[in-house]
Every structure is written in structure tokens, then in C-alpha cells.
PDB file of N, CA and C in Angstrom:
ATOM      1  N   MET A   1      57.552 178.438-101.081  1.00  0.00           N
ATOM      2  CA  MET A   1      58.560 177.397-100.990  1.00  0.00           C
ATOM      3  C   MET A   1      59.062 177.116-102.408  1.00  0.00           C
ATOM      4  N   THR A   2      60.334 176.937-102.534  1.00  0.00           N
ATOM      5  CA  THR A   2      60.926 176.714-103.848  1.00  0.00           C
ATOM      6  C   THR A   2      60.839 175.243-104.247  1.00  0.00           C
ATOM      7  N   ASP A   3      61.045 175.001-105.538  1.00  0.00           N
ATOM      8  CA  ASP A   3      61.086 173.623-106.021  1.00  0.00           C
ATOM      9  C   ASP A   3      62.227 172.852-105.358  1.00  0.00           C
ATOM     10  N   ASP A   4      63.359 173.550-105.100  1.00  0.00           N
ATOM     11  CA  ASP A   4      64.488 172.893-104.439  1.00  0.00           C
ATOM     12  C   ASP A   4      64.088 172.407-103.049  1.00  0.00           C
ATOM     13  N   ASP A   5      63.363 173.249-102.309  1.00  0.00           N
ATOM     14  CA  ASP A   5      62.888 172.835-100.985  1.00  0.00           C
ATOM     15  C   ASP A   5      61.983 171.619-101.091  1.00  0.00           C
ATOM     16  N   ASP A   6      61.083 171.633-102.068  1.00  0.00           N
ATOM     17  CA  ASP A   6      60.171 170.502-102.255  1.00  0.00           C
ATOM     18  C   ASP A   6      60.945 169.216-102.510  1.00  0.00           C
ATOM     19  N   ARG A   7      61.978 169.287-103.343  1.00  0.00           N
ATOM     20  CA  ARG A   7      62.771 168.097-103.652  1.00  0.00           C
ATOM     21  C   ARG A   7      63.499 167.585-102.406  1.00  0.00           C
ATOM     22  N   VAL A   8      64.015 168.513-101.593  1.00  0.00           N
ATOM     23  CA  VAL A   8      64.725 168.102-100.376  1.00  0.00           C
ATOM     24  C   VAL A   8      63.749 167.455 -99.390  1.00  0.00           C
ATOM     25  N   PHE A   9      62.599 168.082 -99.172  1.00  0.00           N
ATOM     26  CA  PHE A   9      61.621 167.509 -98.256  1.00  0.00           C
ATOM     27  C   PHE A   9      61.145 166.139 -98.749  1.00  0.00           C
ATOM     28  N   LYS A  10      60.906 166.017-100.055  1.00  0.00           N
ATOM     29  CA  LYS A  10      60.483 164.730-100.607  1.00  0.00           C
ATOM     30  C   LYS A  10      61.566 163.677-100.392  1.00  0.00           C
ATOM     31  N   ALA A  11      62.811 164.047-100.629  1.00  0.00           N
ATOM     32  CA  ALA A  11      63.918 163.101-100.456  1.00  0.00           C
ATOM     33  C   ALA A  11      64.041 162.671 -98.998  1.00  0.00           C
ATOM     34  N   LEU A  12      63.897 163.606 -98.086  1.00  0.00           N
ATOM     35  CA  LEU A  12      64.053 163.296 -96.665  1.00  0.00           C
ATOM     36  C   LEU A  12      62.847 162.565 -96.078  1.00  0.00           C
ATOM     37  N   ALA A  13      61.734 162.563 -96.791  1.00  0.00           N
ATOM     38  CA  ALA A  13      60.514 161.940 -96.270  1.00  0.00           C
ATOM     39  C   ALA A  13      60.591 160.415 -96.245  1.00  0.00           C
ATOM     40  N   ASP A  14      61.485 159.846 -97.017  1.00  0.00           N
ATOM     41  CA  ASP A  14      61.544 158.394 -97.127  1.00  0.00           C
ATOM     42  C   ASP A  14      62.606 157.811 -96.184  1.00  0.00           C
ATOM     43  N   PRO A  15      62.252 156.808 -95.376  1.00  0.00           N
ATOM     44  CA  PRO A  15      63.216 156.238 -94.430  1.00  0.00           C
ATOM     45  C   PRO A  15      64.422 155.569 -95.109  1.00  0.00           C
ATOM     46  N   THR A  16      64.220 154.969 -96.264  1.00  0.00           N
ATOM     47  CA  THR A  16      65.344 154.352 -96.973  1.00  0.00           C
ATOM     48  C   THR A  16      66.348 155.410 -97.408  1.00  0.00           C
ATOM     49  N   ARG A  17      65.853 156.540 -97.904  1.00  0.00           N
ATOM     50  CA  ARG A  17      66.759 157.609 -98.328  1.00  0.00           C
ATOM     51  C   ARG A  17      67.478 158.220 -97.131  1.00  0.00           C
ATOM     52  N   ARG A  18      66.789 158.351 -96.004  1.00  0.00           N
ATOM     53  CA  ARG A  18      67.458 158.843 -94.798  1.00  0.00           C
ATOM     54  C   ARG A  18      68.546 157.861 -94.360  1.00  0.00           C
ATOM     55  N   PHE A  19      68.274 156.567 -94.488  1.00  0.00           N
ATOM     56  CA  PHE A  19      69.273 155.548 -94.157  1.00  0.00           C
ATOM     57  C   PHE A  19      70.499 155.701 -95.057  1.00  0.00           C
ATOM     58  N   LEU A  20      70.284 155.901 -96.350  1.00  0.00           N
ATOM     59  CA  LEU A  20      71.402 156.091 -97.275  1.00  0.00           C
ATOM     60  C   LEU A  20      72.219 157.324 -96.900  1.00  0.00           C
ATOM     61  N   LEU A  21      71.541 158.403 -96.533  1.00  0.00           N
ATOM     62  CA  LEU A  21      72.260 159.610 -96.097  1.00  0.00           C
ATOM     63  C   LEU A  21      73.064 159.337 -94.830  1.00  0.00           C
ATOM     64  N   ASP A  22      72.488 158.593 -93.907  1.00  0.00           N
ATOM     65  CA  ASP A  22      73.212 158.237 -92.681  1.00  0.00           C
ATOM     66  C   ASP A  22      74.460 157.413 -92.999  1.00  0.00           C
ATOM     67  N   ARG A  23      74.333 156.490 -93.940  1.00  0.00           N
ATOM     68  CA  ARG A  23      75.492 155.679 -94.323  1.00  0.00           C
ATOM     69  C   ARG A  23      76.585 156.554 -94.943  1.00  0.00           C
ATOM     70  N   LEU A  24      76.191 157.516 -95.759  1.00  0.00           N
ATOM     71  CA  LEU A  24      77.178 158.405 -96.368  1.00  0.00           C
ATOM     72  C   LEU A  24      77.771 159.357 -95.337  1.00  0.00           C
ATOM     73  N   PHE A  25      76.995 159.724 -94.345  1.00  0.00           N
ATOM     74  CA  PHE A  25      77.517 160.566 -93.268  1.00  0.00           C
ATOM     75  C   PHE A  25      78.579 159.795 -92.486  1.00  0.00           C
ATOM     76  N   ALA A  26      78.311 158.516 -92.259  1.00  0.00           N
ATOM     77  CA  ALA A  26      79.256 157.677 -91.511  1.00  0.00           C
ATOM     78  C   ALA A  26      80.564 157.496 -92.282  1.00  0.00           C
ATOM     79  N   ARG A  27      80.456 157.321 -93.590  1.00  0.00           N
ATOM     80  CA  ARG A  27      81.647 157.195 -94.431  1.00  0.00           C
ATOM     81  C   ARG A  27      81.279 157.598 -95.849  1.00  0.00           C
ATOM     82  N   ASP A  28      81.815 158.699 -96.265  1.00  0.00           N
ATOM     83  CA  ASP A  28      81.544 159.255 -97.587  1.00  0.00           C
ATOM     84  C   ASP A  28      82.276 158.483 -98.677  1.00  0.00           C
ATOM     85  N   GLY A  29      81.835 158.666 -99.906  1.00  0.00           N
ATOM     86  CA  GLY A  29      82.519 158.081-101.048  1.00  0.00           C
ATOM     87  C   GLY A  29      82.241 156.609-101.246  1.00  0.00           C
ATOM     88  N   ARG A  30      81.003 156.198-101.028  1.00  0.00           N
ATOM     89  CA  ARG A  30      80.643 154.783-101.170  1.00  0.00           C
ATOM     90  C   ARG A  30      80.145 154.483-102.585  1.00  0.00           C
ATOM     91  N   THR A  31      80.360 153.256-102.992  1.00  0.00           N
ATOM     92  CA  THR A  31      79.849 152.805-104.281  1.00  0.00           C
ATOM     93  C   THR A  31      78.415 152.321-104.117  1.00  0.00           C
ATOM     94  N   LEU A  32      77.734 152.156-105.244  1.00  0.00           N
ATOM     95  CA  LEU A  32      76.387 151.598-105.224  1.00  0.00           C
ATOM     96  C   LEU A  32      76.393 150.208-104.600  1.00  0.00           C
ATOM     97  N   THR A  33      77.386 149.420-104.915  1.00  0.00           N
ATOM     98  CA  THR A  33      77.486 148.061-104.365  1.00  0.00           C
ATOM     99  C   THR A  33      77.581 148.090-102.840  1.00  0.00           C
ATOM    100  N   GLU A  34      78.378 149.008-102.306  1.00  0.00           N
ATOM    101  CA  GLU A  34      78.496 149.120-100.845  1.00  0.00           C
ATOM    102  C   GLU A  34      77.169 149.524-100.217  1.00  0.00           C
ATOM    103  N   LEU A  35      76.517 150.509-100.811  1.00  0.00           N
ATOM    104  CA  LEU A  35      75.242 150.981-100.262  1.00  0.00           C
ATOM    105  C   LEU A  35      74.162 149.904-100.385  1.00  0.00           C
ATOM    106  N   GLU A  36      74.152 149.218-101.508  1.00  0.00           N
ATOM    107  CA  GLU A  36      73.174 148.164-101.751  1.00  0.00           C
ATOM    108  C   GLU A  36      73.322 147.022-100.758  1.00  0.00           C
ATOM    109  N   SER A  37      74.547 146.719-100.364  1.00  0.00           N
ATOM    110  CA  SER A  37      74.792 145.579 -99.473  1.00  0.00           C
ATOM    111  C   SER A  37      74.173 145.782 -98.090  1.00  0.00           C
ATOM    112  N   GLU A  38      73.861 147.018 -97.744  1.00  0.00           N
ATOM    113  CA  GLU A  38      73.297 147.299 -96.416  1.00  0.00           C
ATOM    114  C   GLU A  38      71.775 147.392 -96.426  1.00  0.00           C
ATOM    115  N   LEU A  39      71.168 147.151 -97.587  1.00  0.00           N
ATOM    116  CA  LEU A  39      69.712 147.238 -97.703  1.00  0.00           C
ATOM    117  C   LEU A  39      69.155 145.944 -98.279  1.00  0.00           C
ATOM    118  N   GLU A  40      67.948 145.632 -97.878  1.00  0.00           N
ATOM    119  CA  GLU A  40      67.285 144.455 -98.420  1.00  0.00           C
ATOM    120  C   GLU A  40      66.362 144.894 -99.547  1.00  0.00           C
ATOM    121  N   MET A  41      66.975 145.317-100.651  1.00  0.00           N
ATOM    122  CA  MET A  41      66.218 145.681-101.837  1.00  0.00           C
ATOM    123  C   MET A  41      67.107 145.485-103.046  1.00  0.00           C
ATOM    124  N   THR A  42      66.504 145.559-104.194  1.00  0.00           N
ATOM    125  CA  THR A  42      67.257 145.329-105.416  1.00  0.00           C
ATOM    126  C   THR A  42      68.213 146.491-105.686  1.00  0.00           C
ATOM    127  N   ARG A  43      69.195 146.214-106.510  1.00  0.00           N
ATOM    128  CA  ARG A  43      70.145 147.238-106.942  1.00  0.00           C
ATOM    129  C   ARG A  43      69.394 148.386-107.618  1.00  0.00           C
ATOM    130  N   PHE A  44      68.410 148.026-108.444  1.00  0.00           N
ATOM    131  CA  PHE A  44      67.623 149.032-109.142  1.00  0.00           C
ATOM    132  C   PHE A  44      66.865 149.921-108.145  1.00  0.00           C
ATOM    133  N   GLY A  45      66.335 149.316-107.083  1.00  0.00           N
ATOM    134  CA  GLY A  45      65.625 150.090-106.059  1.00  0.00           C
ATOM    135  C   GLY A  45      66.536 151.094-105.380  1.00  0.00           C
ATOM    136  N   VAL A  46      67.744 150.681-105.047  1.00  0.00           N
ATOM    137  CA  VAL A  46      68.720 151.585-104.414  1.00  0.00           C
ATOM    138  C   VAL A  46      69.083 152.698-105.391  1.00  0.00           C
ATOM    139  N   MET A  47      69.247 152.352-106.666  1.00  0.00           N
ATOM    140  CA  MET A  47      69.566 153.357-107.680  1.00  0.00           C
ATOM    141  C   MET A  47      68.465 154.417-107.779  1.00  0.00           C
ATOM    142  N   LYS A  48      67.208 153.986-107.691  1.00  0.00           N
ATOM    143  CA  LYS A  48      66.091 154.941-107.742  1.00  0.00           C
ATOM    144  C   LYS A  48      66.141 155.900-106.554  1.00  0.00           C
ATOM    145  N   HIS A  49      66.421 155.369-105.372  1.00  0.00           N
ATOM    146  CA  HIS A  49      66.512 156.221-104.181  1.00  0.00           C
ATOM    147  C   HIS A  49      67.683 157.199-104.303  1.00  0.00           C
ATOM    148  N   LEU A  50      68.810 156.712-104.789  1.00  0.00           N
ATOM    149  CA  LEU A  50      69.967 157.593-104.969  1.00  0.00           C
ATOM    150  C   LEU A  50      69.679 158.690-105.989  1.00  0.00           C
ATOM    151  N   ARG A  51      68.913 158.378-107.024  1.00  0.00           N
ATOM    152  CA  ARG A  51      68.550 159.376-108.036  1.00  0.00           C
ATOM    153  C   ARG A  51      67.721 160.500-107.392  1.00  0.00           C
ATOM    154  N   VAL A  52      66.779 160.148-106.531  1.00  0.00           N
ATOM    155  CA  VAL A  52      65.970 161.164-105.842  1.00  0.00           C
ATOM    156  C   VAL A  52      66.881 162.042-104.975  1.00  0.00           C
ATOM    157  N   LEU A  53      67.826 161.418-104.278  1.00  0.00           N
ATOM    158  CA  LEU A  53      68.763 162.171-103.438  1.00  0.00           C
ATOM    159  C   LEU A  53      69.656 163.078-104.290  1.00  0.00           C
ATOM    160  N   GLU A  54      70.083 162.594-105.447  1.00  0.00           N
ATOM    161  CA  GLU A  54      70.888 163.416-106.349  1.00  0.00           C
ATOM    162  C   GLU A  54      70.072 164.590-106.892  1.00  0.00           C
ATOM    163  N   ASP A  55      68.828 164.325-107.287  1.00  0.00           N
ATOM    164  CA  ASP A  55      67.964 165.389-107.814  1.00  0.00           C
ATOM    165  C   ASP A  55      67.722 166.485-106.790  1.00  0.00           C
ATOM    166  N   ALA A  56      67.724 166.101-105.510  1.00  0.00           N
ATOM    167  CA  ALA A  56      67.536 167.077-104.430  1.00  0.00           C
ATOM    168  C   ALA A  56      68.846 167.757-104.050  1.00  0.00           C
ATOM    169  N   GLY A  57      69.948 167.307-104.631  1.00  0.00           N
ATOM    170  CA  GLY A  57      71.250 167.887-104.320  1.00  0.00           C
ATOM    171  C   GLY A  57      71.859 167.373-103.033  1.00  0.00           C
ATOM    172  N   LEU A  58      71.257 166.345-102.446  1.00  0.00           N
ATOM    173  CA  LEU A  58      71.746 165.803-101.181  1.00  0.00           C
ATOM    174  C   LEU A  58      72.902 164.828-101.365  1.00  0.00           C
ATOM    175  N   VAL A  59      73.020 164.293-102.555  1.00  0.00           N
ATOM    176  CA  VAL A  59      74.107 163.374-102.890  1.00  0.00           C
ATOM    177  C   VAL A  59      74.739 163.848-104.191  1.00  0.00           C
ATOM    178  N   VAL A  60      76.051 163.860-104.209  1.00  0.00           N
ATOM    179  CA  VAL A  60      76.790 164.155-105.436  1.00  0.00           C
ATOM    180  C   VAL A  60      77.659 162.946-105.747  1.00  0.00           C
ATOM    181  N   THR A  61      77.956 162.777-107.032  1.00  0.00           N
ATOM    182  CA  THR A  61      78.729 161.616-107.444  1.00  0.00           C
ATOM    183  C   THR A  61      79.987 162.047-108.180  1.00  0.00           C
ATOM    184  N   ARG A  62      80.940 161.135-108.152  1.00  0.00           N
ATOM    185  CA  ARG A  62      82.193 161.350-108.872  1.00  0.00           C
ATOM    186  C   ARG A  62      82.652 159.994-109.371  1.00  0.00           C
ATOM    187  N   ARG A  63      83.086 159.972-110.601  1.00  0.00           N
ATOM    188  CA  ARG A  63      83.617 158.732-111.174  1.00  0.00           C
ATOM    189  C   ARG A  63      85.064 158.559-110.762  1.00  0.00           C
ATOM    190  N   SER A  64      85.398 157.339-110.387  1.00  0.00           N
ATOM    191  CA  SER A  64      86.774 156.970-110.071  1.00  0.00           C
ATOM    192  C   SER A  64      87.048 155.673-110.811  1.00  0.00           C
ATOM    193  N   GLY A  65      87.616 155.806-111.999  1.00  0.00           N
ATOM    194  CA  GLY A  65      87.791 154.630-112.836  1.00  0.00           C
ATOM    195  C   GLY A  65      86.440 154.138-113.307  1.00  0.00           C
ATOM    196  N   ARG A  66      86.165 152.893-113.051  1.00  0.00           N
ATOM    197  CA  ARG A  66      84.877 152.301-113.443  1.00  0.00           C
ATOM    198  C   ARG A  66      83.815 152.473-112.370  1.00  0.00           C
ATOM    199  N   GLU A  67      84.206 152.945-111.201  1.00  0.00           N
ATOM    200  CA  GLU A  67      83.266 153.087-110.087  1.00  0.00           C
ATOM    201  C   GLU A  67      82.678 154.491-110.038  1.00  0.00           C
ATOM    202  N   LYS A  68      81.463 154.552-109.545  1.00  0.00           N
ATOM    203  CA  LYS A  68      80.798 155.826-109.304  1.00  0.00           C
ATOM    204  C   LYS A  68      80.671 155.960-107.789  1.00  0.00           C
ATOM    205  N   LEU A  69      81.330 156.972-107.233  1.00  0.00           N
ATOM    206  CA  LEU A  69      81.317 157.173-105.787  1.00  0.00           C
ATOM    207  C   LEU A  69      80.254 158.183-105.410  1.00  0.00           C
ATOM    208  N   HIS A  70      79.569 157.935-104.304  1.00  0.00           N
ATOM    209  CA  HIS A  70      78.486 158.795-103.820  1.00  0.00           C
ATOM    210  C   HIS A  70      78.950 159.520-102.561  1.00  0.00           C
ATOM    211  N   PHE A  71      78.691 160.828-102.538  1.00  0.00           N
ATOM    212  CA  PHE A  71      79.103 161.669-101.419  1.00  0.00           C
ATOM    213  C   PHE A  71      77.907 162.457-100.905  1.00  0.00           C
ATOM    214  N   LEU A  72      77.854 162.623 -99.601  1.00  0.00           N
ATOM    215  CA  LEU A  72      76.826 163.437 -98.959  1.00  0.00           C
ATOM    216  C   LEU A  72      77.109 164.914 -99.208  1.00  0.00           C
ATOM    217  N   ASN A  73      76.075 165.663 -99.577  1.00  0.00           N
ATOM    218  CA  ASN A  73      76.162 167.117 -99.681  1.00  0.00           C
ATOM    219  C   ASN A  73      75.209 167.701 -98.643  1.00  0.00           C
ATOM    220  N   PRO A  74      75.723 168.174 -97.512  1.00  0.00           N
ATOM    221  CA  PRO A  74      74.852 168.654 -96.437  1.00  0.00           C
ATOM    222  C   PRO A  74      74.275 170.059 -96.664  1.00  0.00           C
ATOM    223  N   VAL A  75      74.697 170.744 -97.707  1.00  0.00           N
ATOM    224  CA  VAL A  75      74.268 172.134 -97.920  1.00  0.00           C
ATOM    225  C   VAL A  75      72.746 172.269 -98.025  1.00  0.00           C
ATOM    226  N   PRO A  76      72.043 171.452 -98.814  1.00  0.00           N
ATOM    227  CA  PRO A  76      70.585 171.611 -98.875  1.00  0.00           C
ATOM    228  C   PRO A  76      69.890 171.431 -97.520  1.00  0.00           C
ATOM    229  N   ILE A  77      70.419 170.529 -96.690  1.00  0.00           N
ATOM    230  CA  ILE A  77      69.828 170.339 -95.358  1.00  0.00           C
ATOM    231  C   ILE A  77      70.063 171.591 -94.510  1.00  0.00           C
ATOM    232  N   ARG A  78      71.250 172.178 -94.610  1.00  0.00           N
ATOM    233  CA  ARG A  78      71.551 173.411 -93.871  1.00  0.00           C
ATOM    234  C   ARG A  78      70.631 174.543 -94.328  1.00  0.00           C
ATOM    235  N   LEU A  79      70.389 174.646 -95.627  1.00  0.00           N
ATOM    236  CA  LEU A  79      69.505 175.691 -96.132  1.00  0.00           C
ATOM    237  C   LEU A  79      68.078 175.507 -95.614  1.00  0.00           C
ATOM    238  N   ILE A  80      67.618 174.261 -95.568  1.00  0.00           N
ATOM    239  CA  ILE A  80      66.293 173.971 -94.996  1.00  0.00           C
ATOM    240  C   ILE A  80      66.283 174.350 -93.522  1.00  0.00           C
ATOM    241  N   HIS A  81      67.340 173.992 -92.816  1.00  0.00           N
ATOM    242  CA  HIS A  81      67.451 174.341 -91.403  1.00  0.00           C
ATOM    243  C   HIS A  81      67.370 175.848 -91.215  1.00  0.00           C
ATOM    244  N   ASN A  82      68.151 176.575 -91.992  1.00  0.00           N
ATOM    245  CA  ASN A  82      68.151 178.033 -91.865  1.00  0.00           C
ATOM    246  C   ASN A  82      66.783 178.623 -92.174  1.00  0.00           C
ATOM    247  N   ARG A  83      66.117 178.096 -93.184  1.00  0.00           N
ATOM    248  CA  ARG A  83      64.838 178.640 -93.619  1.00  0.00           C
ATOM    249  C   ARG A  83      63.696 178.252 -92.697  1.00  0.00           C
ATOM    250  N   TRP A  84      63.666 177.004 -92.249  1.00  0.00           N
ATOM    251  CA  TRP A  84      62.493 176.501 -91.552  1.00  0.00           C
ATOM    252  C   TRP A  84      62.668 176.295 -90.057  1.00  0.00           C
ATOM    253  N   ILE A  85      63.873 176.252 -89.566  1.00  0.00           N
ATOM    254  CA  ILE A  85      64.060 176.002 -88.138  1.00  0.00           C
ATOM    255  C   ILE A  85      64.588 177.244 -87.440  1.00  0.00           C
ATOM    256  N   ASP A  86      65.681 177.791 -87.932  1.00  0.00           N
ATOM    257  CA  ASP A  86      66.291 178.958 -87.283  1.00  0.00           C
ATOM    258  C   ASP A  86      65.319 180.116 -87.103  1.00  0.00           C
ATOM    259  N   LYS A  87      64.545 180.424 -88.136  1.00  0.00           N
ATOM    260  CA  LYS A  87      63.681 181.594 -88.032  1.00  0.00           C
ATOM    261  C   LYS A  87      62.606 181.415 -86.962  1.00  0.00           C
ATOM    262  N   TYR A  88      62.156 180.196 -86.754  1.00  0.00           N
ATOM    263  CA  TYR A  88      61.145 179.959 -85.724  1.00  0.00           C
ATOM    264  C   TYR A  88      61.771 179.928 -84.334  1.00  0.00           C
ATOM    265  N   ASN A  89      62.990 179.470 -84.226  1.00  0.00           N
ATOM    266  CA  ASN A  89      63.686 179.479 -82.944  1.00  0.00           C
ATOM    267  C   ASN A  89      64.010 180.898 -82.504  1.00  0.00           C
ATOM    268  N   GLU A  90      64.237 181.790 -83.452  1.00  0.00           N
ATOM    269  CA  GLU A  90      64.595 183.177 -83.132  1.00  0.00           C
ATOM    270  C   GLU A  90      63.535 183.822 -82.246  1.00  0.00           C
ATOM    271  N   ARG A  91      62.274 183.611 -82.578  1.00  0.00           N
ATOM    272  CA  ARG A  91      61.191 184.190 -81.767  1.00  0.00           C
ATOM    273  C   ARG A  91      61.214 183.658 -80.342  1.00  0.00           C
ATOM    274  N   GLN A  92      61.445 182.364 -80.209  1.00  0.00           N
ATOM    275  CA  GLN A  92      61.473 181.762 -78.875  1.00  0.00           C
ATOM    276  C   GLN A  92      62.649 182.288 -78.067  1.00  0.00           C
ATOM    277  N   VAL A  93      63.796 182.399 -78.696  1.00  0.00           N
ATOM    278  CA  VAL A  93      64.979 182.908 -78.007  1.00  0.00           C
ATOM    279  C   VAL A  93      64.767 184.356 -77.603  1.00  0.00           C
ATOM    280  N   SER A  94      64.202 185.145 -78.505  1.00  0.00           N
ATOM    281  CA  SER A  94      63.923 186.552 -78.191  1.00  0.00           C
ATOM    282  C   SER A  94      62.928 186.661 -77.044  1.00  0.00           C
ATOM    283  N   ALA A  95      61.902 185.825 -77.067  1.00  0.00           N
ATOM    284  CA  ALA A  95      60.892 185.850 -75.998  1.00  0.00           C
ATOM    285  C   ALA A  95      61.523 185.481 -74.660  1.00  0.00           C
ATOM    286  N   LEU A  96      62.395 184.487 -74.652  1.00  0.00           N
ATOM    287  CA  LEU A  96      63.061 184.102 -73.411  1.00  0.00           C
ATOM    288  C   LEU A  96      63.993 185.212 -72.914  1.00  0.00           C
ATOM    289  N   ALA A  97      64.683 185.875 -73.821  1.00  0.00           N
ATOM    290  CA  ALA A  97      65.568 186.972 -73.436  1.00  0.00           C
ATOM    291  C   ALA A  97      64.753 188.128 -72.859  1.00  0.00           C
ATOM    292  N   ASP A  98      63.614 188.431 -73.478  1.00  0.00           N
ATOM    293  CA  ASP A  98      62.733 189.493 -72.962  1.00  0.00           C
ATOM    294  C   ASP A  98      62.183 189.129 -71.589  1.00  0.00           C
ATOM    295  N   LEU A  99      61.770 187.868 -71.427  1.00  0.00           N
ATOM    296  CA  LEU A  99      61.258 187.404 -70.142  1.00  0.00           C
ATOM    297  C   LEU A  99      62.335 187.511 -69.071  1.00  0.00           C
ATOM    298  N   LYS A 100      63.541 187.121 -69.394  1.00  0.00           N
ATOM    299  CA  LYS A 100      64.653 187.207 -68.455  1.00  0.00           C
ATOM    300  C   LYS A 100      64.878 188.658 -68.029  1.00  0.00           C
ATOM    301  N   ALA A 101      64.868 189.565 -68.994  1.00  0.00           N
ATOM    302  CA  ALA A 101      65.067 190.985 -68.683  1.00  0.00           C
ATOM    303  C   ALA A 101      63.947 191.514 -67.785  1.00  0.00           C
ATOM    304  N   GLN A 102      62.701 191.143 -68.068  1.00  0.00           N
ATOM    305  CA  GLN A 102      61.580 191.592 -67.251  1.00  0.00           C
ATOM    306  C   GLN A 102      61.680 191.045 -65.826  1.00  0.00           C
ATOM    307  N   LEU A 103      62.055 189.787 -65.698  1.00  0.00           N
ATOM    308  CA  LEU A 103      62.172 189.185 -64.367  1.00  0.00           C
ATOM    309  C   LEU A 103      63.317 189.828 -63.569  1.00  0.00           C
ATOM    310  N   GLU A 104      64.399 190.151 -64.254  1.00  0.00           N
ATOM    311  CA  GLU A 104      65.518 190.798 -63.587  1.00  0.00           C
ATOM    312  C   GLU A 104      65.133 192.203 -63.127  1.00  0.00           C
ATOM    313  N   GLU A 105      64.304 192.884 -63.911  1.00  0.00           N
ATOM    314  CA  GLU A 105      63.852 194.229 -63.528  1.00  0.00           C
ATOM    315  C   GLU A 105      62.965 194.195 -62.284  1.00  0.00           C
ATOM    316  N   GLN A 106      62.190 193.121 -62.144  1.00  0.00           N
ATOM    317  CA  GLN A 106      61.280 192.997 -61.017  1.00  0.00           C
ATOM    318  C   GLN A 106      61.998 192.712 -59.702  1.00  0.00           C
ATOM    319  N   THR A 107      63.193 192.152 -59.763  1.00  0.00           N
ATOM    320  CA  THR A 107      63.902 191.812 -58.532  1.00  0.00           C
ATOM    321  C   THR A 107      64.834 192.887 -58.092  1.00  0.00           C
TER     322      THR A 107
END
């Protein structure tokens, strides 16, 4: 497993960080103030969570004037999906296809 995978799994392990990702999925380009207003924690606490998400590549930022906007980057989640979910589903799908073929041969 790569360090990038470890960072993504660590970021996704926390419910607050998953909540922040859900908020960005609902509407991208939010400021820290907007994200903070939906959580019962300090501004500094939200900033720490956003830093973990940024380090994992799950959130990217862009400055717009004096504001820093946060955007969801779904690519790391897709890579985790491809690496850890798709490959295991392939065996099940293949097994079901083989079973279907065998059952059809019997009838």
C-alpha cells in the first residue's frame, strides 16, 4: 500500500472529515467560514481537518481575492475504489458468470 493510500484511508476514517467531504460534494467551492458554520468546533479544529484532507489530495484550494475556496477532489477516492473494491468484485462477478454458464449447460 502506498503512502498516498494511507493518507486517504486516514482522512476518510474520521467522521468530521467525511462530513466536510459531504458538504463539498453538495456544493463545491466553500470557504472555511461556511464549512465551520456547519460544525460545532473551533475554526482551528476545522482547519486541522481540512489540512488532513488536503494532504490526502481529497480537497484542493484556490484563492479568490481574500477568500480561500475549498473544492472536493474525488480522484483519490476513485483510485482507492479501483484498487480495493473493483478487483475484489471482479472475482465475484466472474464466479457468478461461470455459475450461470454451468447452470445453463445443465438445462
